[in-house]
């Protein structure tokens, strides 16, 4: 007799809004298991993308050559989107699109 098993994706910890905004970014990424990759998109208006796979893995694609402040701010904002953390919308000209 075969025994079937169902493997559930690992549950990722969801940070609190305060922790999302205050923790060092490297610590936050490690705690949530988010992988950061460099994006090859050269468009100056592209500030990053976040993808959550069906298995729960989260990939954060960030453009290179940006200031540390911009990188940090956009990474946290995108993480808030994927973890459904309510933050105020970014001011114009920033726009997010969910697909």
N, C-alpha and C. Protein backbone atom coordinates (compact mmCIF):
# COMPACT_ATOMS: atom_id res chain seq x y z
N UNK A 1 0.84 -1.17 0.00
CA UNK A 1 0.00 0.00 0.00
C UNK A 1 0.89 1.24 0.00
N UNK A 2 0.60 2.17 -0.89
CA UNK A 2 1.35 3.41 -0.94
C UNK A 2 0.74 4.42 0.00
N UNK A 3 1.60 5.14 0.63
CA UNK A 3 1.14 6.20 1.52
C UNK A 3 1.43 7.53 0.81
N UNK A 4 0.42 8.35 0.69
CA UNK A 4 0.64 9.63 0.03
C UNK A 4 0.86 10.70 1.10
N UNK A 5 1.69 11.64 0.73
CA UNK A 5 1.94 12.75 1.63
C UNK A 5 1.72 14.04 0.87
N UNK A 6 1.26 15.01 1.55
CA UNK A 6 1.04 16.32 0.95
C UNK A 6 2.05 17.27 1.56
N UNK A 7 2.86 17.86 0.72
CA UNK A 7 3.87 18.77 1.21
C UNK A 7 3.38 20.19 1.02
N UNK A 8 3.23 20.89 2.10
CA UNK A 8 2.79 22.28 2.06
C UNK A 8 4.02 23.17 1.94
N UNK A 9 3.89 24.28 1.23
CA UNK A 9 5.03 25.20 1.16
C UNK A 9 5.36 25.73 2.54
N UNK A 10 6.64 26.02 2.77
CA UNK A 10 7.01 26.54 4.09
C UNK A 10 6.32 27.88 4.33
N UNK A 11 5.88 28.07 5.53
CA UNK A 11 5.20 29.31 5.89
C UNK A 11 6.25 30.38 6.17
N UNK A 12 6.16 31.48 5.47
CA UNK A 12 7.09 32.59 5.64
C UNK A 12 6.59 33.49 6.76
N UNK A 13 7.48 33.92 7.64
CA UNK A 13 7.05 34.86 8.67
C UNK A 13 6.68 36.19 8.03
N UNK A 14 5.60 36.77 8.50
CA UNK A 14 5.15 38.07 8.00
C UNK A 14 5.54 39.12 9.03
N UNK A 15 6.35 40.08 8.63
CA UNK A 15 6.79 41.10 9.60
C UNK A 15 5.64 42.05 9.96
N UNK A 16 5.74 42.61 11.13
CA UNK A 16 4.80 43.66 11.52
C UNK A 16 5.17 44.93 10.77
N UNK A 17 4.25 45.88 10.64
CA UNK A 17 4.61 47.14 9.97
C UNK A 17 5.83 47.83 10.59
N UNK A 18 5.89 47.86 11.92
CA UNK A 18 7.03 48.49 12.59
C UNK A 18 8.34 47.78 12.26
N UNK A 19 8.31 46.45 12.27
CA UNK A 19 9.52 45.68 11.98
C UNK A 19 9.92 45.86 10.51
N UNK A 20 8.95 45.89 9.63
CA UNK A 20 9.24 46.11 8.21
C UNK A 20 9.96 47.43 7.99
N UNK A 21 9.58 48.44 8.71
CA UNK A 21 10.16 49.77 8.52
C UNK A 21 11.44 49.99 9.32
N UNK A 22 11.62 49.28 10.43
CA UNK A 22 12.73 49.58 11.34
C UNK A 22 13.89 48.59 11.30
N UNK A 23 13.64 47.35 10.95
CA UNK A 23 14.71 46.34 10.97
C UNK A 23 15.73 46.64 9.88
N UNK A 24 17.00 46.32 10.11
CA UNK A 24 17.97 46.43 9.03
C UNK A 24 17.49 45.57 7.85
N UNK A 25 17.62 46.10 6.63
CA UNK A 25 17.07 45.41 5.46
C UNK A 25 17.63 43.99 5.31
N UNK A 26 18.92 43.81 5.49
CA UNK A 26 19.49 42.46 5.36
C UNK A 26 18.88 41.50 6.37
N UNK A 27 18.63 41.96 7.57
CA UNK A 27 17.99 41.13 8.60
C UNK A 27 16.57 40.78 8.18
N UNK A 28 15.84 41.77 7.70
CA UNK A 28 14.46 41.57 7.27
C UNK A 28 14.39 40.54 6.14
N UNK A 29 15.28 40.65 5.18
CA UNK A 29 15.31 39.71 4.06
C UNK A 29 15.62 38.30 4.54
N UNK A 30 16.58 38.17 5.45
CA UNK A 30 16.94 36.86 5.98
C UNK A 30 15.79 36.24 6.76
N UNK A 31 15.13 37.04 7.59
CA UNK A 31 14.02 36.53 8.41
C UNK A 31 12.84 36.07 7.58
N UNK A 32 12.59 36.74 6.47
CA UNK A 32 11.45 36.40 5.64
C UNK A 32 11.80 35.44 4.50
N UNK A 33 13.09 35.15 4.35
CA UNK A 33 13.51 34.22 3.31
C UNK A 33 13.41 34.79 1.91
N UNK A 34 13.42 36.10 1.79
CA UNK A 34 13.31 36.75 0.48
C UNK A 34 14.67 36.76 -0.20
N UNK A 35 14.66 36.36 -1.48
CA UNK A 35 15.88 36.38 -2.28
C UNK A 35 15.89 37.65 -3.12
N UNK A 36 17.00 38.37 -3.10
CA UNK A 36 17.15 39.58 -3.89
C UNK A 36 18.02 39.27 -5.10
N UNK A 37 17.54 39.69 -6.27
CA UNK A 37 18.34 39.55 -7.48
C UNK A 37 18.46 40.92 -8.14
N UNK A 38 19.54 41.11 -8.89
CA UNK A 38 19.73 42.35 -9.64
C UNK A 38 18.91 42.27 -10.91
N UNK A 39 18.15 43.31 -11.17
CA UNK A 39 17.35 43.37 -12.38
C UNK A 39 18.18 43.99 -13.50
N UNK A 40 18.00 43.46 -14.70
CA UNK A 40 18.70 43.98 -15.86
C UNK A 40 17.87 45.03 -16.59
N UNK A 41 16.72 45.39 -16.05
CA UNK A 41 15.85 46.38 -16.69
C UNK A 41 16.50 47.76 -16.53
N UNK A 42 16.86 48.40 -17.65
CA UNK A 42 17.58 49.68 -17.57
C UNK A 42 16.68 50.91 -17.44
N UNK A 43 15.37 50.74 -17.53
CA UNK A 43 14.42 51.86 -17.49
C UNK A 43 14.54 52.60 -16.16
N UNK A 44 14.81 53.89 -16.21
CA UNK A 44 14.98 54.70 -15.00
C UNK A 44 13.69 54.76 -14.16
N UNK A 45 12.55 54.53 -14.80
CA UNK A 45 11.27 54.56 -14.08
C UNK A 45 10.93 53.24 -13.41
N UNK A 46 11.72 52.22 -13.64
CA UNK A 46 11.51 50.92 -13.00
C UNK A 46 12.22 50.93 -11.66
N UNK A 47 11.46 50.75 -10.58
CA UNK A 47 12.09 50.78 -9.27
C UNK A 47 12.14 49.43 -8.58
N UNK A 48 11.69 48.37 -9.24
CA UNK A 48 11.79 47.04 -8.68
C UNK A 48 10.53 46.23 -8.89
N UNK A 49 10.64 44.95 -8.58
CA UNK A 49 9.50 44.05 -8.70
C UNK A 49 9.62 42.98 -7.63
N UNK A 50 8.48 42.51 -7.20
CA UNK A 50 8.46 41.41 -6.24
C UNK A 50 7.54 40.33 -6.78
N UNK A 51 8.01 39.08 -6.67
CA UNK A 51 7.26 37.93 -7.18
C UNK A 51 7.15 36.91 -6.06
N UNK A 52 5.93 36.44 -5.86
CA UNK A 52 5.73 35.35 -4.90
C UNK A 52 5.28 34.12 -5.69
N UNK A 53 6.09 33.09 -5.64
CA UNK A 53 5.79 31.85 -6.34
C UNK A 53 4.74 31.05 -5.57
N UNK A 54 4.10 30.11 -6.25
CA UNK A 54 3.07 29.27 -5.61
C UNK A 54 3.62 28.50 -4.41
N UNK A 55 4.91 28.19 -4.44
CA UNK A 55 5.49 27.44 -3.33
C UNK A 55 5.83 28.33 -2.13
N UNK A 56 5.56 29.64 -2.26
CA UNK A 56 5.80 30.56 -1.15
C UNK A 56 7.09 31.35 -1.27
N UNK A 57 7.99 30.95 -2.16
CA UNK A 57 9.24 31.68 -2.33
C UNK A 57 8.96 33.10 -2.82
N UNK A 58 9.73 34.05 -2.29
CA UNK A 58 9.58 35.44 -2.68
C UNK A 58 10.90 35.93 -3.27
N UNK A 59 10.82 36.51 -4.47
CA UNK A 59 11.97 37.05 -5.17
C UNK A 59 11.77 38.56 -5.30
N UNK A 60 12.78 39.31 -4.93
CA UNK A 60 12.76 40.76 -5.04
C UNK A 60 13.79 41.15 -6.09
N UNK A 61 13.33 41.67 -7.24
CA UNK A 61 14.22 42.08 -8.32
C UNK A 61 14.41 43.59 -8.22
N UNK A 62 15.64 43.99 -7.98
CA UNK A 62 15.93 45.41 -7.77
C UNK A 62 16.92 45.91 -8.82
N UNK A 63 16.67 47.11 -9.36
CA UNK A 63 17.60 47.68 -10.34
C UNK A 63 18.94 48.03 -9.67
N UNK A 64 19.99 47.97 -10.46
CA UNK A 64 21.31 48.33 -9.94
C UNK A 64 21.56 49.81 -10.18
N UNK A 65 22.57 50.32 -9.50
CA UNK A 65 22.97 51.70 -9.72
C UNK A 65 22.09 52.74 -9.05
N UNK A 66 21.30 52.34 -8.11
CA UNK A 66 20.44 53.29 -7.38
C UNK A 66 21.09 53.61 -6.03
N UNK A 67 20.67 54.71 -5.45
CA UNK A 67 21.21 55.08 -4.14
C UNK A 67 20.76 54.06 -3.10
N UNK A 68 21.50 54.00 -2.01
CA UNK A 68 21.16 53.08 -0.93
C UNK A 68 19.78 53.42 -0.37
N UNK A 69 19.47 54.70 -0.25
CA UNK A 69 18.17 55.13 0.27
C UNK A 69 17.04 54.66 -0.66
N UNK A 70 17.21 54.86 -1.96
CA UNK A 70 16.17 54.44 -2.90
C UNK A 70 16.00 52.92 -2.87
N UNK A 71 17.11 52.19 -2.89
CA UNK A 71 17.06 50.73 -2.84
C UNK A 71 16.33 50.25 -1.59
N UNK A 72 16.69 50.80 -0.45
CA UNK A 72 16.10 50.40 0.83
C UNK A 72 14.61 50.73 0.86
N UNK A 73 14.25 51.94 0.46
CA UNK A 73 12.86 52.38 0.50
C UNK A 73 11.98 51.53 -0.41
N UNK A 74 12.44 51.34 -1.64
CA UNK A 74 11.63 50.58 -2.60
C UNK A 74 11.53 49.11 -2.21
N UNK A 75 12.60 48.53 -1.69
CA UNK A 75 12.56 47.14 -1.25
C UNK A 75 11.53 46.96 -0.14
N UNK A 76 11.52 47.84 0.82
CA UNK A 76 10.56 47.75 1.93
C UNK A 76 9.13 47.93 1.43
N UNK A 77 8.94 48.87 0.50
CA UNK A 77 7.60 49.10 -0.03
C UNK A 77 7.09 47.87 -0.78
N UNK A 78 7.95 47.28 -1.60
CA UNK A 78 7.55 46.09 -2.35
C UNK A 78 7.28 44.90 -1.42
N UNK A 79 8.07 44.77 -0.37
CA UNK A 79 7.82 43.71 0.60
C UNK A 79 6.48 43.92 1.30
N UNK A 80 6.15 45.16 1.60
CA UNK A 80 4.85 45.46 2.21
C UNK A 80 3.72 45.01 1.29
N UNK A 81 3.91 45.19 -0.01
CA UNK A 81 2.89 44.78 -0.98
C UNK A 81 2.71 43.26 -0.97
N UNK A 82 3.80 42.51 -1.02
CA UNK A 82 3.69 41.06 -1.10
C UNK A 82 3.21 40.45 0.22
N UNK A 83 3.54 41.08 1.34
CA UNK A 83 3.10 40.57 2.64
C UNK A 83 1.79 41.19 3.10
N UNK A 84 1.17 41.99 2.23
CA UNK A 84 -0.12 42.62 2.51
C UNK A 84 -0.10 43.45 3.79
N UNK A 85 0.95 44.26 3.91
CA UNK A 85 1.10 45.16 5.05
C UNK A 85 0.64 46.54 4.60
N UNK A 86 -0.28 47.10 5.32
CA UNK A 86 -0.89 48.37 4.94
C UNK A 86 0.07 49.53 5.23
N UNK A 87 0.57 50.12 4.14
CA UNK A 87 1.40 51.32 4.23
C UNK A 87 0.77 52.38 3.35
N UNK A 88 1.04 53.65 3.63
CA UNK A 88 0.52 54.70 2.74
C UNK A 88 1.08 54.51 1.33
N UNK A 89 0.30 54.91 0.34
CA UNK A 89 0.74 54.84 -1.05
C UNK A 89 1.93 55.77 -1.26
N UNK A 90 2.78 55.40 -2.21
CA UNK A 90 3.91 56.26 -2.56
C UNK A 90 3.39 57.46 -3.34
N UNK A 91 4.07 58.59 -3.21
CA UNK A 91 3.64 59.77 -3.96
C UNK A 91 3.96 59.63 -5.45
N UNK A 92 3.30 60.43 -6.28
CA UNK A 92 3.60 60.46 -7.72
C UNK A 92 5.07 60.85 -7.86
N UNK A 93 5.76 60.31 -8.78
CA UNK A 93 5.35 59.57 -9.95
C UNK A 93 5.35 58.06 -9.76
N UNK A 94 5.50 57.56 -8.54
CA UNK A 94 5.60 56.12 -8.29
C UNK A 94 4.23 55.48 -8.44
N UNK A 95 4.20 54.38 -9.17
CA UNK A 95 2.98 53.63 -9.40
C UNK A 95 3.31 52.13 -9.27
N UNK A 96 2.45 51.41 -8.58
CA UNK A 96 2.65 49.96 -8.51
C UNK A 96 1.55 49.28 -9.30
N UNK A 97 1.90 48.14 -9.87
CA UNK A 97 0.96 47.37 -10.66
C UNK A 97 1.01 45.93 -10.15
N UNK A 98 -0.16 45.35 -9.92
CA UNK A 98 -0.23 43.96 -9.47
C UNK A 98 -0.74 43.12 -10.63
N UNK A 99 0.00 42.05 -10.91
CA UNK A 99 -0.41 41.14 -11.99
C UNK A 99 -0.57 39.74 -11.45
